[in-house]
Protein backbone atom coordinates (compact mmCIF):
# COMPACT_ATOMS: atom_id res chain seq x y z
CA UNK A 1 0.00 0.00 0.00
CA UNK A 2 2.79 2.43 0.94
CA UNK A 3 4.64 1.72 -2.31
CA UNK A 4 1.50 2.48 -4.29
CA UNK A 5 1.06 5.77 -2.46
CA UNK A 6 4.60 6.81 -3.23
CA UNK A 7 4.17 6.19 -6.95
CA UNK A 8 1.22 8.55 -7.25
CA UNK A 9 2.07 12.19 -7.82
CA UNK A 10 -0.73 13.59 -5.73
CA UNK A 11 0.21 17.07 -4.57
CA UNK A 12 -2.28 18.36 -2.03
CA UNK A 13 -2.46 20.32 1.21
CA UNK A 14 -3.92 19.77 4.66
CA UNK A 15 -4.63 22.00 7.62
CA UNK A 16 -3.50 20.43 10.91
CA UNK A 17 -4.89 21.80 14.18
CA UNK A 18 -3.30 20.82 17.48
CA UNK A 19 -5.03 21.90 20.70
CA UNK A 20 -4.13 21.30 24.33
CA UNK A 21 -6.94 19.44 26.08
CA UNK A 22 -7.22 18.28 29.68
CA UNK A 23 -4.11 18.53 31.80
CA UNK A 24 -3.28 22.23 31.94
CA UNK A 25 0.32 23.15 31.18
CA UNK A 26 1.35 19.51 30.78
CA UNK A 27 -1.17 19.19 27.92
CA UNK A 28 0.23 22.38 26.37
CA UNK A 29 3.77 21.00 26.56
CA UNK A 30 2.64 17.77 24.91
CA UNK A 31 0.91 19.78 22.19
CA UNK A 32 4.33 21.26 21.46
CA UNK A 33 5.78 17.73 21.31
CA UNK A 34 3.18 16.73 18.73
CA UNK A 35 3.92 19.83 16.68
CA UNK A 36 7.59 18.81 16.65
CA UNK A 37 6.65 15.27 15.62
CA UNK A 38 4.53 16.37 12.66
CA UNK A 39 6.87 19.11 11.43
CA UNK A 40 9.90 16.80 11.60
CA UNK A 41 7.96 14.08 9.78
CA UNK A 42 6.92 16.63 7.16
CA UNK A 43 10.56 17.60 6.68
CA UNK A 44 11.48 13.92 6.25
CA UNK A 45 8.73 13.51 3.62
CA UNK A 46 9.80 16.67 1.77
CA UNK A 47 6.50 18.46 2.39
CA UNK A 48 6.23 22.22 2.59
CA UNK A 49 5.04 23.57 5.92
CA UNK A 50 3.67 26.87 7.14
CA UNK A 51 2.38 27.96 10.54
CA UNK A 52 -1.01 29.67 10.12
CA UNK A 53 -1.82 30.36 13.77
CA UNK A 54 0.17 29.94 16.98
CA UNK A 55 -0.97 30.51 20.56
CA UNK A 56 1.81 29.77 23.10
CA UNK A 57 1.74 29.59 26.88
CA UNK A 58 4.00 31.43 29.31
CA UNK A 59 5.82 28.20 30.23
CA UNK A 60 6.78 27.21 26.69
CA UNK A 61 3.81 25.07 25.76
CA UNK A 62 1.16 25.58 23.09
CA UNK A 63 -2.52 26.22 23.71
CA UNK A 64 -3.32 25.83 20.03
CA UNK A 65 -1.40 25.77 16.76
CA UNK A 66 -2.60 25.50 13.16
CA UNK A 67 -0.24 24.60 10.35
CA UNK A 68 -0.51 23.89 6.65
CA UNK A 69 1.37 20.94 5.18
CA UNK A 70 1.52 20.43 1.42
CA UNK A 71 3.13 17.81 -0.76
CA UNK A 72 2.78 14.38 -2.27
CA UNK A 73 -0.02 12.34 -0.64
CA UNK A 74 0.07 14.36 2.57
CA UNK A 75 -3.59 13.65 3.35
CA UNK A 76 -3.27 9.91 2.73
CA UNK A 77 -0.44 9.77 5.26
CA UNK A 78 -1.99 11.97 7.96
CA UNK A 79 -5.74 11.38 7.70
CA UNK A 80 -5.69 8.87 10.57
CA UNK A 81 -4.07 11.33 12.99
CA UNK A 82 -7.29 13.19 13.79
CA UNK A 83 -8.63 12.54 17.27
CA UNK A 84 -7.63 12.58 20.92
CA UNK A 85 -3.98 11.86 21.73
CA UNK A 86 -3.38 10.87 25.38
CA UNK A 87 -0.03 11.20 27.15
CA UNK A 88 1.00 9.49 30.38
CA UNK A 89 4.22 10.76 31.98
CA UNK A 90 5.71 12.44 35.03
CA UNK A 91 5.70 16.23 34.46
CA UNK A 92 8.90 18.12 35.21
CA UNK A 93 6.98 20.11 37.81
CA UNK A 94 5.79 16.97 39.62
CA UNK A 95 7.78 16.61 42.85
CA UNK A 96 6.08 13.43 44.03
CA UNK A 97 6.94 11.35 40.98
CA UNK A 98 3.31 10.73 40.10
CA UNK A 99 2.30 9.93 36.52
CA UNK A 100 -0.14 12.44 35.06
CA UNK A 101 -2.54 11.82 32.18
CA UNK A 102 -3.21 14.67 29.75
CA UNK A 103 -4.80 14.95 26.33
CA UNK A 104 -4.28 16.86 23.10
CA UNK A 105 -6.71 16.94 20.20
CA UNK A 106 -5.57 16.84 16.59
CA UNK A 107 -7.67 17.61 13.52
CA UNK A 108 -6.49 17.00 9.96
CA UNK A 109 -8.55 18.92 7.40
CA UNK A 110 -8.16 18.81 3.66
CA UNK A 111 -7.42 22.23 2.20
CA UNK A 112 -9.93 22.89 -0.58
CA UNK A 113 -8.63 23.10 -4.10
CA UNK A 114 -8.95 26.42 -5.87
CA UNK A 115 -12.62 27.37 -6.44
CA UNK A 116 -13.82 24.27 -4.54
CA UNK A 117 -15.16 26.44 -1.71
CA UNK A 118 -16.44 29.93 -2.54
CA UNK A 119 -16.70 32.28 0.42
CA UNK A 120 -18.89 35.36 0.06
CA UNK A 121 -17.10 38.38 1.60
CA UNK A 122 -20.50 39.66 2.77
CA UNK A 123 -20.78 36.55 4.98
CA UNK A 124 -17.67 37.49 6.97
CA UNK A 125 -17.24 39.58 10.09
CA UNK A 126 -13.53 40.38 10.35
CA UNK A 127 -11.94 41.96 13.40
CA UNK A 128 -8.32 42.68 14.30
CA UNK A 129 -6.60 42.47 17.67
CA UNK A 130 -3.13 42.44 19.20
CA UNK A 131 -1.29 39.14 19.07
CA UNK A 132 -1.08 37.32 22.38
CA UNK A 133 1.99 35.54 23.63
CA UNK A 134 4.16 34.78 26.62
CA UNK A 135 5.69 38.28 26.60
CA UNK A 136 9.01 39.66 25.49
CA UNK A 137 10.22 41.12 22.24
CA UNK A 138 8.16 38.85 19.99
CA UNK A 139 4.75 40.07 21.17
CA UNK A 140 3.21 42.16 18.42
CA UNK A 141 2.27 45.63 19.68
CA UNK A 142 0.04 46.37 16.66
CA UNK A 143 -3.36 44.86 15.84
CA UNK A 144 -2.07 42.44 13.24
CA UNK A 145 -3.93 39.36 14.49
CA UNK A 146 -7.17 38.52 12.65
CA UNK A 147 -10.40 36.90 13.80
CA UNK A 148 -13.02 35.92 11.22
CA UNK A 149 -16.62 34.95 11.96
CA UNK A 150 -18.42 33.13 9.14
CA UNK A 151 -22.01 34.27 9.67
CA UNK A 152 -23.87 31.43 7.85
CA UNK A 153 -22.13 28.67 9.85
CA UNK A 154 -21.00 30.45 13.02
CA UNK A 155 -17.44 29.19 12.46
CA UNK A 156 -14.73 31.36 14.03
CA UNK A 157 -11.07 31.22 12.97
CA UNK A 158 -8.03 33.24 13.97
CA UNK A 159 -4.50 33.85 12.80
CA UNK A 160 -1.72 35.69 14.59
CA UNK A 161 1.42 33.94 13.35
CA UNK A 162 2.48 36.79 11.04
CA UNK A 163 3.29 40.42 11.83
CA UNK A 164 1.44 41.45 8.69
CA UNK A 165 -2.34 41.81 9.03
CA UNK A 166 -2.98 40.98 5.37
CA UNK A 167 -1.01 37.74 5.63
CA UNK A 168 -2.87 36.77 8.80
CA UNK A 169 -6.13 37.43 6.96
CA UNK A 170 -5.08 35.08 4.13
CA UNK A 171 -4.06 32.43 6.67
CA UNK A 172 -7.37 32.72 8.49
CA UNK A 173 -9.31 32.41 5.23
CA UNK A 174 -7.38 29.21 4.42
CA UNK A 175 -8.34 27.76 7.79
CA UNK A 176 -11.96 28.82 7.31
CA UNK A 177 -12.20 27.24 3.86
CA UNK A 178 -10.88 23.95 5.23
CA UNK A 179 -13.40 24.02 8.09
CA UNK A 180 -16.29 24.77 5.72
CA UNK A 181 -15.22 21.87 3.51
CA UNK A 182 -15.03 19.56 6.52
CA UNK A 183 -18.52 20.59 7.64
CA UNK A 184 -19.86 19.91 4.14
CA UNK A 185 -18.23 16.47 4.15
CA UNK A 186 -19.72 15.72 7.59
CA UNK A 187 -23.18 16.72 6.35
CA UNK A 188 -22.75 14.48 3.31
CA UNK A 189 -21.54 11.68 5.57
CA UNK A 190 -24.65 11.92 7.76
CA UNK A 191 -26.79 11.24 4.70
CA UNK A 192 -25.08 7.94 3.97
CA UNK A 193 -26.16 4.56 5.27
CA UNK A 194 -24.80 3.31 8.59
CA UNK A 195 -22.69 0.63 6.88
CA UNK A 196 -21.07 3.20 4.62
CA UNK A 197 -20.33 5.49 7.59
CA UNK A 198 -18.58 2.60 9.32
CA UNK A 199 -16.31 2.12 6.31
CA UNK A 200 -15.09 5.71 6.50
CA UNK A 201 -15.23 6.07 10.26
CA UNK A 202 -11.87 7.91 10.35
CA UNK A 203 -13.89 11.08 9.89
CA UNK A 204 -15.13 10.79 13.48
CA UNK A 205 -12.52 12.96 15.19
CA UNK A 206 -13.70 12.66 18.81
CA UNK A 207 -12.29 9.15 19.22
CA UNK A 208 -9.38 8.61 21.61
CA UNK A 209 -6.98 7.09 19.15
CA UNK A 210 -3.54 6.86 20.77
CA UNK A 211 -1.72 6.73 24.10
CA UNK A 212 1.88 7.87 24.58
CA UNK A 213 3.15 6.07 27.70
CA UNK A 214 6.52 7.52 28.72
CA UNK A 215 7.29 5.24 31.73
CA UNK A 216 6.89 2.19 29.47
CA UNK A 217 8.49 3.87 26.42
CA UNK A 218 5.50 2.83 24.34
CA UNK A 219 2.98 4.31 21.91
CA UNK A 220 -0.28 2.39 21.47
CA UNK A 221 -2.85 3.00 18.77
CA UNK A 222 -6.16 1.77 20.15
CA UNK A 223 -7.87 1.43 16.78
CA UNK A 224 -5.53 -1.20 15.37
CA UNK A 225 -4.43 -2.48 18.83
CA UNK A 226 -0.75 -2.14 18.06
CA UNK A 227 2.16 -0.69 20.05
CA UNK A 228 5.57 0.68 19.13
CA UNK A 229 8.55 1.37 21.38
CA UNK A 230 11.25 4.08 21.11
CA UNK A 231 8.70 6.76 21.95
CA UNK A 232 11.17 9.67 21.87
CA UNK A 233 12.39 8.62 18.44
CA UNK A 234 8.82 8.69 17.09
CA UNK A 235 8.17 12.09 18.68
CA UNK A 236 11.30 13.30 16.90
CA UNK A 237 9.47 12.63 13.63
CA UNK A 238 10.48 9.03 12.92
CA UNK A 239 6.84 8.00 12.68
CA UNK A 240 6.96 6.15 9.36
CA UNK A 241 6.39 2.70 10.99
CA UNK A 242 3.25 4.05 12.67
CA UNK A 243 1.95 5.61 9.46
CA UNK A 244 2.65 2.46 7.43
CA UNK A 245 0.80 0.22 9.90
CA UNK A 246 -2.20 2.56 10.00
CA UNK A 247 -2.41 2.71 6.20
CA UNK A 248 -2.15 -1.08 6.00
CA UNK A 249 -4.75 -1.81 8.67
CA UNK A 250 -7.26 0.99 8.08
CA UNK A 251 -7.25 1.60 4.31
């Protein structure tokens, strides 16, 4: 299956959203770990990458980050990453040596092709605000960050990764288009028969899909009931064995 994917010249783009879930700062730190894993894997695959929105914490973690990855078969390789990622480890701030459990959610959205999603400018409420951050010289003092409300759907997207307001607006519109496309696909999915929905169940993003167990140096994917060791190596972007097994078992 992997060999077949590599032979197809299928250039495409996805929007990847990573959000800290339960677990406070530990979840935010793990969100940063997942960002490192995906960006390093993207570099290994030769994909282009661009941060569209970035919301850090004061202790070096990430509340939420949105990035665009583009290249050959990027969606085919990452479409099974959407869901709840659970981490079990002893936080650096834990003095008692207790293992904490935290979660991070990941969404992988296909970026619409040109003219696939048409957004009416009259349907948008666009506001600007000052970029937030942990402080210091990199906090933007001007209102370059952009928030867009899509009135027909109620979807809200933001972008504050660039110092230029126009570029943040373009980034936010890219995120919005991907979210509108996902909503359309979900509506289409709900019209299908139950058996057909089961065949493409990867679209259900609320599922807890994976546990990263640091004390046991093990990653377990609960959908295919398979584990891999060398956890740090995988978080460094060496996730090809995981991707290959998911494609083989779930395609």
